Amino acid sequence: MARKQVTGIPAAGPRVGRGVVARRWTGLRRSRATLAFLLCLPLVLLVVGLIVYPFFYAIYLSMLNKAETAFVGLGNFAFLFERSTFWMVVRQSILFTLTAVFFKALIGFVCAHLIHNVPPRGQRLWRGLSLVPWVIPPALSTLGWWWLFDPTYSAVNWLLTSFGAAAVPWLSDVFWARFSVILVNIWYGAPFFLIMYLAALKSIPEELYDAAKVDGASAWQRLVHITLPMMRNIIAITMLFSTIVTFANFDIVRVLTQGGPRNTTHLFATYAFKLGIQSGDIPLGAAVSLFMFPILALFAMFILRDVRERTKRL
């Protein structure tokens, strides 16, 4: 009997262990939190690999010398702060972003109202046509604009001279070069605002407008007291996303002007590319690109805090 008990104990052990593991695994699979984590894990790994790791590696690179052999701390940032070209890039980036985002928001808001008032059968056509600039790859569409602005074969200048006007140095004059890159960015980004604002308009109950009309409210009063308050969160979030993308824009300036004339159209991304890749100073280019982070972080913090406070009040 003792011998049977001794031989029976090891045989029962693995079965009990496998049963416990199976029950735990079944419980984990049935847990919604675990399932959600497993489903989000590929995205988390992708964000860590493509955003978090490059960000901290860029911080590390920005503290090295040009040969990446010595630690210089904030020396690269001090070097940039003493250069007038860097501060010109800062001013140009801010001017480019504020101007482009303002006109994209304005054009998108106006066009969204125009399409919203079109009969339902015609809205699908106009929505599709309005999204054409946004769905075309920016580098490809910018090549078309470059042909329109080309100093020798400019189609725009051909039209101007045909009507007796003088040709415009679109890409060789400082003012017109800045105007050109901002214009192309507005043309490309306005449809994003349009589709976001149009979706927001569709979500506003028509009963609110009907009640305002009964009370004698004018079109301007309905816009100020109904449309804008109901769209305020969408407007803020859309402008935040667009500001981040516009501030870090690379392809439009790179294809259209390559930062010229005399570095006056450089943005942070193109200037970092010039210093880091073309000039071979990777740490200095990383320092330029990191300068965008605190500006965008502060802007995002204020916008999101305002949206969160309005949501709580609702």
Protein backbone atom coordinates (compact mmCIF):
# COMPACT_ATOMS: atom_id res chain seq x y z
CA MET A 1 0.00 0.00 0.00
CA ALA A 2 2.78 2.37 0.84
CA ARG A 3 4.40 1.60 -2.44
CA LYS A 4 1.12 2.44 -4.29
CA GLN A 5 0.77 5.71 -2.44
CA VAL A 6 4.31 6.70 -3.26
CA THR A 7 3.94 5.87 -6.90
CA GLY A 8 0.53 7.57 -7.11
CA ILE A 9 1.62 10.96 -5.77
CA PRO A 10 3.93 11.89 -8.67
CA ALA A 11 1.32 10.80 -11.17
CA ALA A 12 -1.33 13.16 -9.75
CA GLY A 13 0.99 16.17 -9.43
CA PRO A 14 1.38 17.11 -13.12
CA ARG A 15 -2.36 16.63 -13.73
CA VAL A 16 -3.20 19.07 -10.96
CA GLY A 17 -0.58 21.52 -12.23
CA ARG A 18 -1.83 21.34 -15.81
CA GLY A 19 -5.39 21.84 -14.63
CA VAL A 20 -4.48 24.96 -12.66
CA VAL A 21 -2.55 26.41 -15.59
CA ALA A 22 -5.42 25.64 -17.96
CA ARG A 23 -7.93 27.30 -15.66
CA ARG A 24 -5.74 30.38 -15.27
CA TRP A 25 -5.20 30.61 -19.03
CA THR A 26 -8.93 30.29 -19.63
CA GLY A 27 -9.56 33.04 -17.09
CA LEU A 28 -7.03 35.30 -18.76
CA ARG A 29 -8.59 34.73 -22.15
CA ARG A 30 -12.02 35.56 -20.78
CA SER A 31 -10.79 38.73 -19.07
CA ARG A 32 -11.71 41.80 -21.10
CA ALA A 33 -8.77 43.80 -19.77
CA THR A 34 -6.30 41.10 -20.84
CA LEU A 35 -7.92 40.76 -24.23
CA ALA A 36 -7.81 44.52 -24.74
CA PHE A 37 -4.13 44.60 -23.77
CA LEU A 38 -3.25 41.78 -26.17
CA LEU A 39 -5.13 43.48 -29.01
CA CYS A 40 -3.36 46.80 -28.33
CA LEU A 41 0.06 45.23 -27.85
CA PRO A 42 1.09 45.37 -31.55
CA LEU A 43 0.19 49.07 -31.67
CA VAL A 44 2.07 49.73 -28.42
CA LEU A 45 5.17 48.00 -29.79
CA LEU A 46 4.86 49.98 -33.01
CA VAL A 47 4.63 53.29 -31.12
CA VAL A 48 7.59 52.37 -28.92
CA GLY A 49 9.70 51.32 -31.91
CA LEU A 50 8.87 54.21 -34.21
CA ILE A 51 8.22 57.12 -31.81
CA VAL A 52 9.43 56.58 -28.24
CA TYR A 53 12.80 55.01 -29.02
CA PRO A 54 13.71 57.49 -31.82
CA PHE A 55 12.71 60.39 -29.56
CA PHE A 56 15.05 59.38 -26.73
CA TYR A 57 17.77 58.43 -29.20
CA ALA A 58 17.50 61.90 -30.76
CA ILE A 59 17.96 63.42 -27.29
CA TYR A 60 21.08 61.32 -26.87
CA LEU A 61 22.43 62.32 -30.29
CA SER A 62 21.81 66.02 -29.67
CA MET A 63 24.26 65.91 -26.76
CA LEU A 64 27.19 64.58 -28.82
CA ASN A 65 29.74 66.37 -30.99
CA LYS A 66 29.74 66.21 -34.77
CA ALA A 67 31.88 63.06 -34.85
CA GLU A 68 29.62 61.48 -32.18
CA THR A 69 32.68 60.68 -30.07
CA ALA A 70 32.33 63.14 -27.17
CA PHE A 71 29.55 64.30 -24.90
CA VAL A 72 28.93 68.06 -25.22
CA GLY A 73 25.70 68.41 -23.22
CA LEU A 74 23.71 71.42 -24.39
CA GLY A 75 26.54 72.67 -26.58
CA ASN A 76 24.67 72.08 -29.83
CA PHE A 77 21.70 74.10 -28.59
CA ALA A 78 24.00 76.93 -27.47
CA PHE A 79 25.62 76.89 -30.91
CA LEU A 80 22.24 77.16 -32.62
CA PHE A 81 21.05 79.99 -30.39
CA GLU A 82 24.00 82.10 -31.55
CA ARG A 83 23.14 81.70 -35.25
CA SER A 84 20.84 84.21 -36.95
CA THR A 85 19.82 81.59 -39.52
CA PHE A 86 18.35 79.40 -36.80
CA TRP A 87 16.19 82.22 -35.45
CA MET A 88 15.07 83.02 -38.98
CA VAL A 89 13.96 79.38 -39.28
CA VAL A 90 12.06 79.75 -36.00
CA ARG A 91 10.25 82.86 -37.23
CA GLN A 92 9.51 81.30 -40.61
CA SER A 93 8.17 78.10 -39.02
CA ILE A 94 5.83 80.06 -36.74
CA LEU A 95 4.68 82.35 -39.58
CA PHE A 96 4.18 79.38 -41.90
CA THR A 97 2.17 77.42 -39.32
CA LEU A 98 -0.06 80.23 -38.03
CA THR A 99 -0.89 81.56 -41.49
CA ALA A 100 -1.51 78.18 -43.08
CA VAL A 101 -3.62 76.81 -40.21
CA PHE A 102 -5.73 79.98 -40.02
CA PHE A 103 -6.60 79.96 -43.72
CA LYS A 104 -7.11 76.19 -43.79
CA ALA A 105 -9.56 76.49 -40.91
CA LEU A 106 -11.34 79.45 -42.52
CA ILE A 107 -11.62 77.85 -45.96
CA GLY A 108 -12.65 74.51 -44.48
CA PHE A 109 -15.32 76.16 -42.32
CA VAL A 110 -16.82 78.11 -45.22
CA CYS A 111 -16.73 75.19 -47.67
CA ALA A 112 -18.20 72.82 -45.08
CA HIS A 113 -21.22 75.13 -44.69
CA LEU A 114 -21.60 75.45 -48.44
CA ILE A 115 -21.56 71.68 -48.96
CA HIS A 116 -23.81 71.15 -45.94
CA ASN A 117 -26.47 73.34 -47.56
CA VAL A 118 -26.29 71.48 -50.88
CA PRO A 119 -29.14 68.99 -51.47
CA PRO A 120 -28.24 65.47 -50.22
CA ARG A 121 -27.93 64.03 -53.73
CA GLY A 122 -25.25 66.53 -54.70
CA GLN A 123 -23.26 66.38 -51.49
CA ARG A 124 -21.52 63.11 -52.34
CA LEU A 125 -20.05 64.56 -55.53
CA TRP A 126 -18.80 67.73 -53.87
CA ARG A 127 -17.36 65.83 -50.91
CA GLY A 128 -15.42 63.59 -53.27
CA LEU A 129 -14.09 66.47 -55.34
CA SER A 130 -13.07 68.48 -52.28
CA LEU A 131 -10.96 65.59 -50.96
CA VAL A 132 -8.84 65.29 -54.13
CA PRO A 133 -6.03 67.63 -52.94
CA TRP A 134 -5.81 65.78 -49.62
CA VAL A 135 -5.64 62.23 -51.00
CA ILE A 136 -2.89 62.99 -53.52
CA PRO A 137 0.60 62.38 -52.04
CA PRO A 138 2.05 65.78 -51.02
CA ALA A 139 5.36 65.27 -52.84
CA LEU A 140 3.55 64.43 -56.07
CA SER A 141 1.12 67.35 -55.89
CA THR A 142 3.95 69.72 -54.94
CA LEU A 143 5.77 68.75 -58.15
CA GLY A 144 2.71 69.98 -60.05
CA TRP A 145 2.82 73.27 -58.15
CA TRP A 146 6.54 73.51 -58.83
CA TRP A 147 5.79 73.32 -62.55
CA LEU A 148 3.17 76.06 -62.16
CA PHE A 149 5.74 78.29 -60.39
CA ASP A 150 8.77 77.35 -62.48
CA PRO A 151 10.60 80.56 -63.51
CA THR A 152 11.08 79.45 -67.13
CA TYR A 153 7.96 77.42 -67.92
CA SER A 154 5.53 78.80 -65.34
CA ALA A 155 1.93 78.29 -66.43
CA VAL A 156 0.79 80.98 -63.98
CA ASN A 157 3.24 83.52 -65.39
CA TRP A 158 2.14 82.59 -68.91
CA LEU A 159 -1.43 83.49 -67.96
CA LEU A 160 -0.31 86.73 -66.31
CA THR A 161 1.73 87.84 -69.30
CA SER A 162 -1.12 86.89 -71.63
CA PHE A 163 -3.27 89.49 -69.87
CA GLY A 164 -0.52 92.09 -69.92
CA ALA A 165 0.67 91.67 -66.32
CA ALA A 166 4.27 91.24 -65.26
CA ALA A 167 5.70 87.82 -64.49
CA VAL A 168 6.13 87.00 -60.80
CA PRO A 169 9.37 85.46 -59.42
CA TRP A 170 7.47 82.86 -57.42
CA LEU A 171 10.44 80.87 -56.12
CA SER A 172 13.31 83.36 -56.33
CA ASP A 173 11.88 86.27 -54.35
CA VAL A 174 11.68 85.98 -50.55
CA PHE A 175 8.10 87.19 -50.22
CA TRP A 176 6.73 85.17 -53.12
CA ALA A 177 8.63 82.04 -52.13
CA ARG A 178 7.11 82.17 -48.64
CA PHE A 179 3.72 82.90 -50.18
CA SER A 180 4.07 79.89 -52.50
CA VAL A 181 4.89 77.31 -49.81
CA ILE A 182 2.05 78.59 -47.60
CA LEU A 183 -0.38 78.52 -50.55
CA VAL A 184 0.49 74.92 -51.40
CA ASN A 185 0.10 73.86 -47.77
CA ILE A 186 -3.32 75.54 -47.59
CA TRP A 187 -4.39 73.84 -50.81
CA TYR A 188 -3.31 70.46 -49.47
CA GLY A 189 -4.64 70.78 -45.89
CA ALA A 190 -7.95 72.64 -46.29
CA PRO A 191 -9.91 69.47 -47.26
CA PHE A 192 -9.01 67.89 -43.91
CA PHE A 193 -10.70 70.80 -42.10
CA LEU A 194 -13.62 70.62 -44.51
CA ILE A 195 -14.41 66.97 -43.88
CA MET A 196 -14.00 67.33 -40.09
CA TYR A 197 -16.22 70.40 -39.92
CA LEU A 198 -18.78 68.85 -42.24
CA ALA A 199 -19.01 65.81 -39.96
CA ALA A 200 -19.47 68.14 -36.99
CA LEU A 201 -22.25 70.02 -38.78
CA LYS A 202 -24.04 66.75 -39.51
CA SER A 203 -24.04 65.94 -35.78
CA ILE A 204 -25.83 69.16 -34.76
CA PRO A 205 -29.58 68.50 -34.25
CA GLU A 206 -31.75 70.39 -36.69
CA GLU A 207 -34.27 71.02 -33.89
CA LEU A 208 -31.92 73.62 -32.43
CA TYR A 209 -31.97 75.64 -35.64
CA ASP A 210 -35.72 75.25 -36.01
CA ALA A 211 -36.29 76.52 -32.47
CA ALA A 212 -33.93 79.45 -33.07
CA LYS A 213 -35.79 80.38 -36.26
CA VAL A 214 -39.10 80.32 -34.40
CA ASP A 215 -37.60 82.69 -31.80
CA GLY A 216 -36.56 85.05 -34.60
CA ALA A 217 -32.78 84.43 -34.52
CA SER A 218 -30.89 85.61 -37.59
CA ALA A 219 -28.41 83.48 -39.54
CA TRP A 220 -25.50 85.21 -37.79
CA GLN A 221 -27.04 84.58 -34.35
CA ARG A 222 -27.60 80.91 -35.19
CA LEU A 223 -23.97 80.67 -36.26
CA VAL A 224 -22.61 82.35 -33.12
CA HIS A 225 -24.90 80.80 -30.53
CA ILE A 226 -25.51 77.32 -31.97
CA THR A 227 -23.01 76.28 -34.63
CA LEU A 228 -19.78 77.55 -33.07
CA PRO A 229 -20.48 76.32 -29.51
CA MET A 230 -21.51 72.88 -30.82
CA MET A 231 -18.42 72.65 -33.04
CA ARG A 232 -15.96 74.19 -30.60
CA ASN A 233 -14.31 70.95 -29.48
CA ILE A 234 -14.01 69.66 -33.04
CA ILE A 235 -12.52 72.97 -34.17
CA ALA A 236 -9.95 72.89 -31.35
CA ILE A 237 -8.90 69.26 -31.93
CA THR A 238 -8.68 69.73 -35.71
CA MET A 239 -6.55 72.84 -35.35
CA LEU A 240 -4.30 71.00 -32.88
CA PHE A 241 -3.70 68.11 -35.26
CA SER A 242 -3.16 70.44 -38.20
CA THR A 243 -0.75 72.64 -36.23
CA ILE A 244 1.41 69.65 -35.31
CA VAL A 245 1.51 68.36 -38.90
CA THR A 246 2.06 71.83 -40.41
CA PHE A 247 4.78 72.77 -37.93
CA ALA A 248 6.69 69.60 -38.82
CA ASN A 249 6.10 69.89 -42.57
CA PHE A 250 8.95 68.69 -44.76
CA ASP A 251 7.94 67.60 -48.25
CA ILE A 252 6.34 70.82 -49.53
CA VAL A 253 9.31 73.06 -48.74
CA ARG A 254 11.82 70.40 -49.74
CA VAL A 255 10.30 69.86 -53.17
CA LEU A 256 9.24 73.42 -53.92
CA THR A 257 12.09 75.66 -52.71
CA GLN A 258 14.60 73.44 -50.84
CA GLY A 259 14.75 76.19 -48.24
CA GLY A 260 15.69 78.98 -50.64
CA PRO A 261 16.16 81.70 -51.46
CA ARG A 262 18.91 82.27 -48.86
CA ASN A 263 17.37 79.87 -46.32
CA THR A 264 14.30 82.08 -45.93
CA THR A 265 11.72 79.31 -46.45
CA HIS A 266 13.37 76.68 -44.27
CA LEU A 267 11.23 75.03 -41.61
CA PHE A 268 12.49 73.00 -38.67
CA ALA A 269 12.25 69.71 -40.55
CA THR A 270 14.00 70.90 -43.71
CA TYR A 271 16.68 72.79 -41.77
CA ALA A 272 17.34 69.73 -39.61
CA PHE A 273 17.65 67.66 -42.80
CA LYS A 274 20.09 70.15 -44.27
CA LEU A 275 22.31 70.20 -41.17
CA GLY A 276 22.01 66.55 -40.22
CA ILE A 277 21.92 64.70 -43.54
CA GLN A 278 23.34 67.01 -46.17
CA SER A 279 26.03 68.58 -43.97
CA GLY A 280 26.78 65.38 -42.05
CA ASP A 281 26.23 66.87 -38.58
CA ILE A 282 23.65 64.43 -37.18
CA PRO A 283 23.77 65.74 -33.57
CA LEU A 284 23.17 69.33 -34.70
CA GLY A 285 20.28 68.22 -36.90
CA ALA A 286 18.80 66.30 -33.97
CA ALA A 287 19.06 69.44 -31.81
CA VAL A 288 17.11 71.43 -34.42
CA SER A 289 14.36 68.82 -34.65
CA LEU A 290 14.04 68.60 -30.85
CA PHE A 291 13.44 72.35 -30.64
CA MET A 292 9.93 71.71 -32.01
CA PHE A 293 8.95 69.44 -29.12
CA PRO A 294 8.51 71.97 -26.27
CA ILE A 295 6.59 74.38 -28.51
CA LEU A 296 4.15 71.73 -29.71
CA ALA A 297 3.88 70.17 -26.25
CA LEU A 298 2.83 73.47 -24.66
CA PHE A 299 0.35 74.18 -27.45
CA ALA A 300 -1.17 70.69 -27.18
CA MET A 301 -1.38 70.94 -23.39
CA PHE A 302 -3.37 74.19 -23.47
CA ILE A 303 -5.71 73.00 -26.24
CA LEU A 304 -6.44 69.63 -24.63
CA ARG A 305 -6.93 71.17 -21.20
CA ASP A 306 -9.45 73.62 -22.63
CA VAL A 307 -11.30 70.80 -24.41
CA ARG A 308 -11.36 68.70 -21.24
CA GLU A 309 -12.75 71.56 -19.14
CA ARG A 310 -15.51 72.26 -21.67
CA THR A 311 -16.38 68.56 -21.76
CA LYS A 312 -16.71 68.49 -17.97
CA ARG A 313 -19.03 71.49 -18.03
CA LEU A 314 -21.26 69.71 -20.51
